[in-house]
Amino acid sequence: MLLKEYRICMPLTVEEYRIGQLYMISKHSHEQSDRGEGVEVVQNEPFEDPVHGQGQFTEKRVYLNSKLPSWARAVIPKIFYVTEKAWNYYPYTITGQCHLWQ
């Protein structure tokens, strides 16, 4: 396997980029949330992992009703959402434990 690494000089530090990345994820979640639908952040707190070090743990509920076709909306209740748990250890993100709830 051949591995190539490319580096792009940026006008900001790695710490500034990490903060910007977290901000843009939060902004995108907020933009997708309207009329009680979209993304609801249930938990957002710093987290320490023995392997990855310091990071941020986030638990979100993503409400999907408005994304469904009209025939599916008639069958599925309005409180339909997916739960996502994510651990962000810059530059790595681990997501998992997704569940569908009604």
PDB file of N, CA and C in Angstrom:
ATOM      1  N   MET A   1       0.846  -1.167   0.000  1.00  0.00           N
ATOM      2  CA  MET A   1       0.000   0.000   0.000  1.00  0.00           C
ATOM      3  C   MET A   1       0.892   1.231   0.000  1.00  0.00           C
ATOM      4  N   LEU A   2       0.595   2.165  -0.877  1.00  0.00           N
ATOM      5  CA  LEU A   2       1.331   3.412  -0.972  1.00  0.00           C
ATOM      6  C   LEU A   2       0.537   4.507  -0.279  1.00  0.00           C
ATOM      7  N   LEU A   3       1.167   5.186   0.657  1.00  0.00           N
ATOM      8  CA  LEU A   3       0.512   6.246   1.412  1.00  0.00           C
ATOM      9  C   LEU A   3       1.195   7.563   1.084  1.00  0.00           C
ATOM     10  N   LYS A   4       0.424   8.549   0.647  1.00  0.00           N
ATOM     11  CA  LYS A   4       0.959   9.871   0.337  1.00  0.00           C
ATOM     12  C   LYS A   4       0.333  10.885   1.278  1.00  0.00           C
ATOM     13  N   GLU A   5       1.140  11.823   1.726  1.00  0.00           N
ATOM     14  CA  GLU A   5       0.654  12.852   2.625  1.00  0.00           C
ATOM     15  C   GLU A   5       0.867  14.197   1.964  1.00  0.00           C
ATOM     16  N   TYR A   6      -0.188  15.000   1.942  1.00  0.00           N
ATOM     17  CA  TYR A   6      -0.110  16.345   1.393  1.00  0.00           C
ATOM     18  C   TYR A   6      -0.369  17.328   2.522  1.00  0.00           C
ATOM     19  N   ARG A   7       0.407  18.375   2.569  1.00  0.00           N
ATOM     20  CA  ARG A   7       0.226  19.403   3.598  1.00  0.00           C
ATOM     21  C   ARG A   7      -0.141  20.714   2.925  1.00  0.00           C
ATOM     22  N   ILE A   8      -1.156  21.349   3.452  1.00  0.00           N
ATOM     23  CA  ILE A   8      -1.622  22.619   2.922  1.00  0.00           C
ATOM     24  C   ILE A   8      -1.382  23.685   3.981  1.00  0.00           C
ATOM     25  N   CYS A   9      -0.607  24.701   3.637  1.00  0.00           N
ATOM     26  CA  CYS A   9      -0.360  25.798   4.574  1.00  0.00           C
ATOM     27  C   CYS A   9      -1.641  26.596   4.740  1.00  0.00           C
ATOM     28  N   MET A  10      -1.993  26.847   5.985  1.00  0.00           N
ATOM     29  CA  MET A  10      -3.229  27.577   6.266  1.00  0.00           C
ATOM     30  C   MET A  10      -2.910  28.800   7.121  1.00  0.00           C
ATOM     31  N   PRO A  11      -3.735  29.836   7.010  1.00  0.00           N
ATOM     32  CA  PRO A  11      -3.466  31.064   7.763  1.00  0.00           C
ATOM     33  C   PRO A  11      -3.971  31.015   9.206  1.00  0.00           C
ATOM     34  N   LEU A  12      -4.028  29.810   9.810  1.00  0.00           N
ATOM     35  CA  LEU A  12      -4.457  29.684  11.182  1.00  0.00           C
ATOM     36  C   LEU A  12      -3.763  28.494  11.822  1.00  0.00           C
ATOM     37  N   THR A  13      -3.770  28.474  13.138  1.00  0.00           N
ATOM     38  CA  THR A  13      -3.129  27.389  13.865  1.00  0.00           C
ATOM     39  C   THR A  13      -4.038  26.166  13.902  1.00  0.00           C
ATOM     40  N   VAL A  14      -3.464  25.050  14.337  1.00  0.00           N
ATOM     41  CA  VAL A  14      -4.252  23.813  14.453  1.00  0.00           C
ATOM     42  C   VAL A  14      -5.367  23.999  15.487  1.00  0.00           C
ATOM     43  N   GLU A  15      -5.077  24.684  16.598  1.00  0.00           N
ATOM     44  CA  GLU A  15      -6.090  24.919  17.629  1.00  0.00           C
ATOM     45  C   GLU A  15      -7.217  25.791  17.085  1.00  0.00           C
ATOM     46  N   GLU A  16      -6.893  26.828  16.313  1.00  0.00           N
ATOM     47  CA  GLU A  16      -7.922  27.673  15.706  1.00  0.00           C
ATOM     48  C   GLU A  16      -8.775  26.871  14.728  1.00  0.00           C
ATOM     49  N   TYR A  17      -8.140  25.983  13.955  1.00  0.00           N
ATOM     50  CA  TYR A  17      -8.876  25.131  13.021  1.00  0.00           C
ATOM     51  C   TYR A  17      -9.825  24.196  13.771  1.00  0.00           C
ATOM     52  N   ARG A  18      -9.363  23.597  14.890  1.00  0.00           N
ATOM     53  CA  ARG A  18     -10.193  22.692  15.694  1.00  0.00           C
ATOM     54  C   ARG A  18     -11.426  23.420  16.216  1.00  0.00           C
ATOM     55  N   ILE A  19     -11.235  24.629  16.724  1.00  0.00           N
ATOM     56  CA  ILE A  19     -12.363  25.415  17.226  1.00  0.00           C
ATOM     57  C   ILE A  19     -13.315  25.758  16.081  1.00  0.00           C
ATOM     58  N   GLY A  20     -12.770  26.127  14.931  1.00  0.00           N
ATOM     59  CA  GLY A  20     -13.594  26.433  13.765  1.00  0.00           C
ATOM     60  C   GLY A  20     -14.393  25.233  13.287  1.00  0.00           C
ATOM     61  N   GLN A  21     -13.777  24.052  13.338  1.00  0.00           N
ATOM     62  CA  GLN A  21     -14.465  22.828  12.926  1.00  0.00           C
ATOM     63  C   GLN A  21     -15.661  22.565  13.845  1.00  0.00           C
ATOM     64  N   LEU A  22     -15.470  22.673  15.159  1.00  0.00           N
ATOM     65  CA  LEU A  22     -16.570  22.468  16.106  1.00  0.00           C
ATOM     66  C   LEU A  22     -17.670  23.500  15.888  1.00  0.00           C
ATOM     67  N   TYR A  23     -17.272  24.754  15.616  1.00  0.00           N
ATOM     68  CA  TYR A  23     -18.251  25.813  15.375  1.00  0.00           C
ATOM     69  C   TYR A  23     -19.091  25.518  14.128  1.00  0.00           C
ATOM     70  N   MET A  24     -18.458  25.096  13.041  1.00  0.00           N
ATOM     71  CA  MET A  24     -19.183  24.841  11.796  1.00  0.00           C
ATOM     72  C   MET A  24     -20.127  23.644  11.924  1.00  0.00           C
ATOM     73  N   ILE A  25     -19.736  22.626  12.679  1.00  0.00           N
ATOM     74  CA  ILE A  25     -20.634  21.491  12.921  1.00  0.00           C
ATOM     75  C   ILE A  25     -21.862  21.970  13.679  1.00  0.00           C
ATOM     76  N   SER A  26     -21.643  22.800  14.708  1.00  0.00           N
ATOM     77  CA  SER A  26     -22.749  23.344  15.487  1.00  0.00           C
ATOM     78  C   SER A  26     -23.643  24.245  14.639  1.00  0.00           C
ATOM     79  N   LYS A  27     -23.035  25.085  13.803  1.00  0.00           N
ATOM     80  CA  LYS A  27     -23.805  25.993  12.947  1.00  0.00           C
ATOM     81  C   LYS A  27     -24.664  25.210  11.955  1.00  0.00           C
ATOM     82  N   HIS A  28     -24.096  24.163  11.361  1.00  0.00           N
ATOM     83  CA  HIS A  28     -24.847  23.347  10.402  1.00  0.00           C
ATOM     84  C   HIS A  28     -26.044  22.676  11.091  1.00  0.00           C
ATOM     85  N   SER A  29     -25.833  22.158  12.308  1.00  0.00           N
ATOM     86  CA  SER A  29     -26.937  21.539  13.053  1.00  0.00           C
ATOM     87  C   SER A  29     -28.038  22.554  13.318  1.00  0.00           C
ATOM     88  N   HIS A  30     -27.644  23.780  13.684  1.00  0.00           N
ATOM     89  CA  HIS A  30     -28.628  24.833  13.956  1.00  0.00           C
ATOM     90  C   HIS A  30     -29.410  25.214  12.690  1.00  0.00           C
ATOM     91  N   GLU A  31     -28.714  25.283  11.554  1.00  0.00           N
ATOM     92  CA  GLU A  31     -29.376  25.635  10.288  1.00  0.00           C
ATOM     93  C   GLU A  31     -30.377  24.571   9.852  1.00  0.00           C
ATOM     94  N   GLN A  32     -30.137  23.317  10.227  1.00  0.00           N
ATOM     95  CA  GLN A  32     -31.030  22.228   9.840  1.00  0.00           C
ATOM     96  C   GLN A  32     -32.224  22.099  10.780  1.00  0.00           C
ATOM     97  N   SER A  33     -32.250  22.903  11.838  1.00  0.00           N
ATOM     98  CA  SER A  33     -33.305  22.813  12.847  1.00  0.00           C
ATOM     99  C   SER A  33     -34.288  23.962  12.686  1.00  0.00           C
ATOM    100  N   ASP A  34     -35.527  23.637  12.359  1.00  0.00           N
ATOM    101  CA  ASP A  34     -36.574  24.647  12.292  1.00  0.00           C
ATOM    102  C   ASP A  34     -37.913  23.991  12.575  1.00  0.00           C
ATOM    103  N   ARG A  35     -38.831  24.736  13.089  1.00  0.00           N
ATOM    104  CA  ARG A  35     -40.187  24.259  13.396  1.00  0.00           C
ATOM    105  C   ARG A  35     -40.191  23.014  14.278  1.00  0.00           C
ATOM    106  N   GLY A  36     -39.252  22.936  15.223  1.00  0.00           N
ATOM    107  CA  GLY A  36     -39.221  21.783  16.124  1.00  0.00           C
ATOM    108  C   GLY A  36     -38.634  20.531  15.513  1.00  0.00           C
ATOM    109  N   GLU A  37     -38.103  20.633  14.310  1.00  0.00           N
ATOM    110  CA  GLU A  37     -37.485  19.483  13.672  1.00  0.00           C
ATOM    111  C   GLU A  37     -36.018  19.761  13.438  1.00  0.00           C
ATOM    112  N   GLY A  38     -35.304  18.759  12.978  1.00  0.00           N
ATOM    113  CA  GLY A  38     -33.885  18.929  12.714  1.00  0.00           C
ATOM    114  C   GLY A  38     -33.056  18.255  13.781  1.00  0.00           C
ATOM    115  N   VAL A  39     -32.074  18.980  14.322  1.00  0.00           N
ATOM    116  CA  VAL A  39     -31.123  18.416  15.264  1.00  0.00           C
ATOM    117  C   VAL A  39     -31.319  19.029  16.649  1.00  0.00           C
ATOM    118  N   GLU A  40     -31.426  18.180  17.656  1.00  0.00           N
ATOM    119  CA  GLU A  40     -31.486  18.625  19.049  1.00  0.00           C
ATOM    120  C   GLU A  40     -30.259  18.073  19.760  1.00  0.00           C
ATOM    121  N   VAL A  41     -29.446  18.950  20.339  1.00  0.00           N
ATOM    122  CA  VAL A  41     -28.270  18.523  21.086  1.00  0.00           C
ATOM    123  C   VAL A  41     -28.713  18.206  22.508  1.00  0.00           C
ATOM    124  N   VAL A  42     -28.592  16.939  22.891  1.00  0.00           N
ATOM    125  CA  VAL A  42     -29.016  16.488  24.206  1.00  0.00           C
ATOM    126  C   VAL A  42     -27.896  16.677  25.219  1.00  0.00           C
ATOM    127  N   GLN A  43     -26.665  16.378  24.801  1.00  0.00           N
ATOM    128  CA  GLN A  43     -25.523  16.439  25.704  1.00  0.00           C
ATOM    129  C   GLN A  43     -24.310  16.887  24.905  1.00  0.00           C
ATOM    130  N   ASN A  44     -23.516  17.824  25.454  1.00  0.00           N
ATOM    131  CA  ASN A  44     -22.312  18.320  24.795  1.00  0.00           C
ATOM    132  C   ASN A  44     -21.330  18.719  25.884  1.00  0.00           C
ATOM    133  N   GLU A  45     -20.314  17.883  26.107  1.00  0.00           N
ATOM    134  CA  GLU A  45     -19.390  18.140  27.206  1.00  0.00           C
ATOM    135  C   GLU A  45     -17.994  17.608  26.899  1.00  0.00           C
ATOM    136  N   PRO A  46     -16.973  18.168  27.563  1.00  0.00           N
ATOM    137  CA  PRO A  46     -15.608  17.658  27.375  1.00  0.00           C
ATOM    138  C   PRO A  46     -15.512  16.216  27.875  1.00  0.00           C
ATOM    139  N   PHE A  47     -14.599  15.448  27.262  1.00  0.00           N
ATOM    140  CA  PHE A  47     -14.478  14.031  27.585  1.00  0.00           C
ATOM    141  C   PHE A  47     -13.002  13.651  27.536  1.00  0.00           C
ATOM    142  N   GLU A  48     -12.564  12.813  28.451  1.00  0.00           N
ATOM    143  CA  GLU A  48     -11.176  12.349  28.500  1.00  0.00           C
ATOM    144  C   GLU A  48     -11.151  10.855  28.210  1.00  0.00           C
ATOM    145  N   ASP A  49     -10.330  10.449  27.229  1.00  0.00           N
ATOM    146  CA  ASP A  49     -10.197   9.048  26.855  1.00  0.00           C
ATOM    147  C   ASP A  49      -8.750   8.622  27.088  1.00  0.00           C
ATOM    148  N   PRO A  50      -8.517   7.431  27.667  1.00  0.00           N
ATOM    149  CA  PRO A  50      -7.141   7.013  27.929  1.00  0.00           C
ATOM    150  C   PRO A  50      -6.317   6.799  26.656  1.00  0.00           C
ATOM    151  N   VAL A  51      -6.966   6.483  25.544  1.00  0.00           N
ATOM    152  CA  VAL A  51      -6.239   6.234  24.289  1.00  0.00           C
ATOM    153  C   VAL A  51      -6.093   7.506  23.458  1.00  0.00           C
ATOM    154  N   HIS A  52      -7.193   8.238  23.260  1.00  0.00           N
ATOM    155  CA  HIS A  52      -7.212   9.387  22.349  1.00  0.00           C
ATOM    156  C   HIS A  52      -6.930  10.724  23.020  1.00  0.00           C
ATOM    157  N   GLY A  53      -7.007  10.792  24.330  1.00  0.00           N
ATOM    158  CA  GLY A  53      -6.770  12.054  25.033  1.00  0.00           C
ATOM    159  C   GLY A  53      -8.048  12.850  25.212  1.00  0.00           C
ATOM    160  N   GLN A  54      -7.891  14.182  25.253  1.00  0.00           N
ATOM    161  CA  GLN A  54      -9.052  15.045  25.472  1.00  0.00           C
ATOM    162  C   GLN A  54      -9.876  15.185  24.204  1.00  0.00           C
ATOM    163  N   GLY A  55     -11.180  15.279  24.394  1.00  0.00           N
ATOM    164  CA  GLY A  55     -12.086  15.430  23.266  1.00  0.00           C
ATOM    165  C   GLY A  55     -13.415  15.988  23.725  1.00  0.00           C
ATOM    166  N   GLN A  56     -14.379  15.934  22.826  1.00  0.00           N
ATOM    167  CA  GLN A  56     -15.719  16.453  23.083  1.00  0.00           C
ATOM    168  C   GLN A  56     -16.725  15.347  22.800  1.00  0.00           C
ATOM    169  N   PHE A  57     -17.610  15.080  23.770  1.00  0.00           N
ATOM    170  CA  PHE A  57     -18.677  14.100  23.588  1.00  0.00           C
ATOM    171  C   PHE A  57     -19.966  14.841  23.280  1.00  0.00           C
ATOM    172  N   THR A  58     -20.678  14.385  22.242  1.00  0.00           N
ATOM    173  CA  THR A  58     -21.941  15.009  21.861  1.00  0.00           C
ATOM    174  C   THR A  58     -22.978  13.921  21.597  1.00  0.00           C
ATOM    175  N   GLU A  59     -24.160  14.109  22.184  1.00  0.00           N
ATOM    176  CA  GLU A  59     -25.296  13.237  21.887  1.00  0.00           C
ATOM    177  C   GLU A  59     -26.366  14.095  21.234  1.00  0.00           C
ATOM    178  N   LYS A  60     -26.833  13.653  20.064  1.00  0.00           N
ATOM    179  CA  LYS A  60     -27.818  14.426  19.302  1.00  0.00           C
ATOM    180  C   LYS A  60     -29.025  13.562  18.980  1.00  0.00           C
ATOM    181  N   ARG A  61     -30.162  14.225  18.850  1.00  0.00           N
ATOM    182  CA  ARG A  61     -31.370  13.592  18.310  1.00  0.00           C
ATOM    183  C   ARG A  61     -31.665  14.280  16.991  1.00  0.00           C
ATOM    184  N   VAL A  62     -31.771  13.494  15.939  1.00  0.00           N
ATOM    185  CA  VAL A  62     -32.058  14.026  14.611  1.00  0.00           C
ATOM    186  C   VAL A  62     -33.489  13.639  14.259  1.00  0.00           C
ATOM    187  N   TYR A  63     -34.373  14.638  14.207  1.00  0.00           N
ATOM    188  CA  TYR A  63     -35.782  14.403  13.880  1.00  0.00           C
ATOM    189  C   TYR A  63     -35.926  14.371  12.365  1.00  0.00           C
ATOM    190  N   LEU A  64     -36.523  13.298  11.865  1.00  0.00           N
ATOM    191  CA  LEU A  64     -36.535  13.035  10.427  1.00  0.00           C
ATOM    192  C   LEU A  64     -37.898  13.170   9.760  1.00  0.00           C
ATOM    193  N   ASN A  65     -38.923  13.571  10.461  1.00  0.00           N
ATOM    194  CA  ASN A  65     -40.270  13.578   9.888  1.00  0.00           C
ATOM    195  C   ASN A  65     -40.364  14.386   8.603  1.00  0.00           C
ATOM    196  N   SER A  66     -39.792  15.590   8.575  1.00  0.00           N
ATOM    197  CA  SER A  66     -39.929  16.428   7.381  1.00  0.00           C
ATOM    198  C   SER A  66     -39.142  15.877   6.193  1.00  0.00           C
ATOM    199  N   LYS A  67     -38.226  14.954   6.436  1.00  0.00           N
ATOM    200  CA  LYS A  67     -37.421  14.362   5.362  1.00  0.00           C
ATOM    201  C   LYS A  67     -38.095  13.149   4.726  1.00  0.00           C
ATOM    202  N   LEU A  68     -39.174  12.673   5.335  1.00  0.00           N
ATOM    203  CA  LEU A  68     -39.860  11.480   4.838  1.00  0.00           C
ATOM    204  C   LEU A  68     -40.873  11.837   3.758  1.00  0.00           C
ATOM    205  N   PRO A  69     -41.175  10.903   2.851  1.00  0.00           N
ATOM    206  CA  PRO A  69     -42.241  11.139   1.886  1.00  0.00           C
ATOM    207  C   PRO A  69     -43.595  11.238   2.586  1.00  0.00           C
ATOM    208  N   SER A  70     -44.552  11.877   1.941  1.00  0.00           N
ATOM    209  CA  SER A  70     -45.850  12.140   2.581  1.00  0.00           C
ATOM    210  C   SER A  70     -46.560  10.855   2.995  1.00  0.00           C
ATOM    211  N   TRP A  71     -46.441   9.781   2.206  1.00  0.00           N
ATOM    212  CA  TRP A  71     -47.117   8.543   2.578  1.00  0.00           C
ATOM    213  C   TRP A  71     -46.505   7.947   3.851  1.00  0.00           C
ATOM    214  N   ALA A  72     -45.201   8.118   4.067  1.00  0.00           N
ATOM    215  CA  ALA A  72     -44.561   7.595   5.277  1.00  0.00           C
ATOM    216  C   ALA A  72     -44.908   8.453   6.493  1.00  0.00           C
ATOM    217  N   ARG A  73     -45.051   9.776   6.283  1.00  0.00           N
ATOM    218  CA  ARG A  73     -45.419  10.674   7.380  1.00  0.00           C
ATOM    219  C   ARG A  73     -46.797  10.342   7.947  1.00  0.00           C
ATOM    220  N   ALA A  74     -47.676   9.828   7.097  1.00  0.00           N
ATOM    221  CA  ALA A  74     -49.022   9.480   7.549  1.00  0.00           C
ATOM    222  C   ALA A  74     -49.008   8.265   8.480  1.00  0.00           C
ATOM    223  N   VAL A  75     -47.994   7.414   8.349  1.00  0.00           N
ATOM    224  CA  VAL A  75     -47.914   6.184   9.125  1.00  0.00           C
ATOM    225  C   VAL A  75     -47.043   6.341  10.376  1.00  0.00           C
ATOM    226  N   ILE A  76     -45.953   7.102  10.245  1.00  0.00           N
ATOM    227  CA  ILE A  76     -44.971   7.234  11.330  1.00  0.00           C
ATOM    228  C   ILE A  76     -45.349   8.415  12.217  1.00  0.00           C
ATOM    229  N   PRO A  77     -45.283   8.250  13.543  1.00  0.00           N
ATOM    230  CA  PRO A  77     -45.628   9.364  14.439  1.00  0.00           C
ATOM    231  C   PRO A  77     -44.629  10.513  14.339  1.00  0.00           C
ATOM    232  N   LYS A  78     -45.054  11.711  14.791  1.00  0.00           N
ATOM    233  CA  LYS A  78     -44.224  12.906  14.690  1.00  0.00           C
ATOM    234  C   LYS A  78     -42.989  12.841  15.577  1.00  0.00           C
ATOM    235  N   ILE A  79     -42.972  11.991  16.567  1.00  0.00           N
ATOM    236  CA  ILE A  79     -41.822  11.934  17.456  1.00  0.00           C
ATOM    237  C   ILE A  79     -40.821  10.868  17.009  1.00  0.00           C
ATOM    238  N   PHE A  80     -40.572  10.798  15.738  1.00  0.00           N
ATOM    239  CA  PHE A  80     -39.640   9.846  15.145  1.00  0.00           C
ATOM    240  C   PHE A  80     -38.268  10.504  15.043  1.00  0.00           C
ATOM    241  N   TYR A  81     -37.238   9.909  15.676  1.00  0.00           N
ATOM    242  CA  TYR A  81     -35.898  10.485  15.597  1.00  0.00           C
ATOM    243  C   TYR A  81     -34.821   9.403  15.685  1.00  0.00           C
ATOM    244  N   VAL A  82     -33.609   9.778  15.319  1.00  0.00           N
ATOM    245  CA  VAL A  82     -32.436   8.925  15.400  1.00  0.00           C
ATOM    246  C   VAL A  82     -31.505   9.542  16.440  1.00  0.00           C
ATOM    247  N   THR A  83     -30.953   8.716  17.321  1.00  0.00           N
ATOM    248  CA  THR A  83     -29.999   9.192  18.314  1.00  0.00           C
ATOM    249  C   THR A  83     -28.589   8.893  17.823  1.00  0.00           C
ATOM    250  N   GLU A  84     -27.718   9.913  17.874  1.00  0.00           N
ATOM    251  CA  GLU A  84     -26.322   9.749  17.465  1.00  0.00           C
ATOM    252  C   GLU A  84     -25.423  10.183  18.610  1.00  0.00           C
ATOM    253  N   LYS A  85     -24.447   9.344  18.931  1.00  0.00           N
ATOM    254  CA  LYS A  85     -23.443   9.693  19.932  1.00  0.00           C
ATOM    255  C   LYS A  85     -22.102   9.805  19.221  1.00  0.00           C
ATOM    256  N   ALA A  86     -21.390  10.910  19.477  1.00  0.00           N
ATOM    257  CA  ALA A  86     -20.120  11.148  18.792  1.00  0.00           C
ATOM    258  C   ALA A  86     -19.063  11.614  19.780  1.00  0.00           C
ATOM    259  N   TRP A  87     -17.842  11.100  19.599  1.00  0.00           N
ATOM    260  CA  TRP A  87     -16.695  11.516  20.383  1.00  0.00           C
ATOM    261  C   TRP A  87     -15.715  12.165  19.416  1.00  0.00           C
ATOM    262  N   ASN A  88     -15.464  13.459  19.590  1.00  0.00           N
ATOM    263  CA  ASN A  88     -14.592  14.193  18.682  1.00  0.00           C
ATOM    264  C   ASN A  88     -13.240  14.395  19.356  1.00  0.00           C
ATOM    265  N   TYR A  89     -12.237  13.631  18.902  1.00  0.00           N
ATOM    266  CA  TYR A  89     -10.860  13.781  19.347  1.00  0.00           C
ATOM    267  C   TYR A  89     -10.087  14.297  18.147  1.00  0.00           C
ATOM    268  N   TYR A  90     -10.023  15.585  18.006  1.00  0.00           N
ATOM    269  CA  TYR A  90      -9.418  16.176  16.811  1.00  0.00           C
ATOM    270  C   TYR A  90      -8.080  15.539  16.535  1.00  0.00           C
ATOM    271  N   PRO A  91      -7.785  15.081  15.328  1.00  0.00           N
ATOM    272  CA  PRO A  91      -8.545  15.192  14.088  1.00  0.00           C
ATOM    273  C   PRO A  91      -9.467  14.006  13.832  1.00  0.00           C
ATOM    274  N   TYR A  92      -9.699  13.160  14.821  1.00  0.00           N
ATOM    275  CA  TYR A  92     -10.524  11.963  14.642  1.00  0.00           C
ATOM    276  C   TYR A  92     -11.890  12.142  15.294  1.00  0.00           C
ATOM    277  N   THR A  93     -12.900  11.558  14.670  1.00  0.00           N
ATOM    278  CA  THR A  93     -14.240  11.547  15.238  1.00  0.00           C
ATOM    279  C   THR A  93     -14.759  10.118  15.232  1.00  0.00           C
ATOM    280  N   ILE A  94     -15.259   9.680  16.368  1.00  0.00           N
ATOM    281  CA  ILE A  94     -15.821   8.341  16.498  1.00  0.00           C
ATOM    282  C   ILE A  94     -17.322   8.504  16.720  1.00  0.00           C
ATOM    283  N   THR A  95     -18.133   7.906  15.856  1.00  0.00           N
ATOM    284  CA  THR A  95     -19.582   7.969  16.025  1.00  0.00           C
ATOM    285  C   THR A  95     -20.118   6.564  16.198  1.00  0.00           C
ATOM    286  N   GLY A  96     -21.230   6.469  16.879  1.00  0.00           N
ATOM    287  CA  GLY A  96     -21.812   5.146  17.060  1.00  0.00           C
ATOM    288  C   GLY A  96     -23.037   5.189  17.923  1.00  0.00           C
ATOM    289  N   GLN A  97     -23.537   4.016  18.257  1.00  0.00           N
ATOM    290  CA  GLN A  97     -24.703   3.825  19.077  1.00  0.00           C
ATOM    291  C   GLN A  97     -25.898   4.616  18.557  1.00  0.00           C
ATOM    292  N   CYS A  98     -26.199   4.427  17.285  1.00  0.00           N
ATOM    293  CA  CYS A  98     -27.373   5.095  16.699  1.00  0.00           C
ATOM    294  C   CYS A  98     -28.586   4.200  16.889  1.00  0.00           C
ATOM    295  N   HIS A  99     -29.694   4.808  17.289  1.00  0.00           N
ATOM    296  CA  HIS A  99     -30.938   4.085  17.518  1.00  0.00           C
ATOM    297  C   HIS A  99     -32.094   4.846  16.895  1.00  0.00           C
ATOM    298  N   LEU A 100     -33.073   4.121  16.393  1.00  0.00           N
ATOM    299  CA  LEU A 100     -34.302   4.730  15.911  1.00  0.00           C
ATOM    300  C   LEU A 100     -35.326   4.681  17.026  1.00  0.00           C
ATOM    301  N   TRP A 101     -36.003   5.794  17.251  1.00  0.00           N
ATOM    302  CA  TRP A 101     -37.017   5.868  18.300  1.00  0.00           C
ATOM    303  C   TRP A 101     -38.319   6.386  17.735  1.00  0.00           C
ATOM    304  N   GLN A 102     -39.393   5.914  18.325  1.00  0.00           N
ATOM    305  CA  GLN A 102     -40.717   6.415  17.958  1.00  0.00           C
ATOM    306  C   GLN A 102     -41.467   6.786  19.203  1.00  0.00           C
TER     307      GLN A 102
END
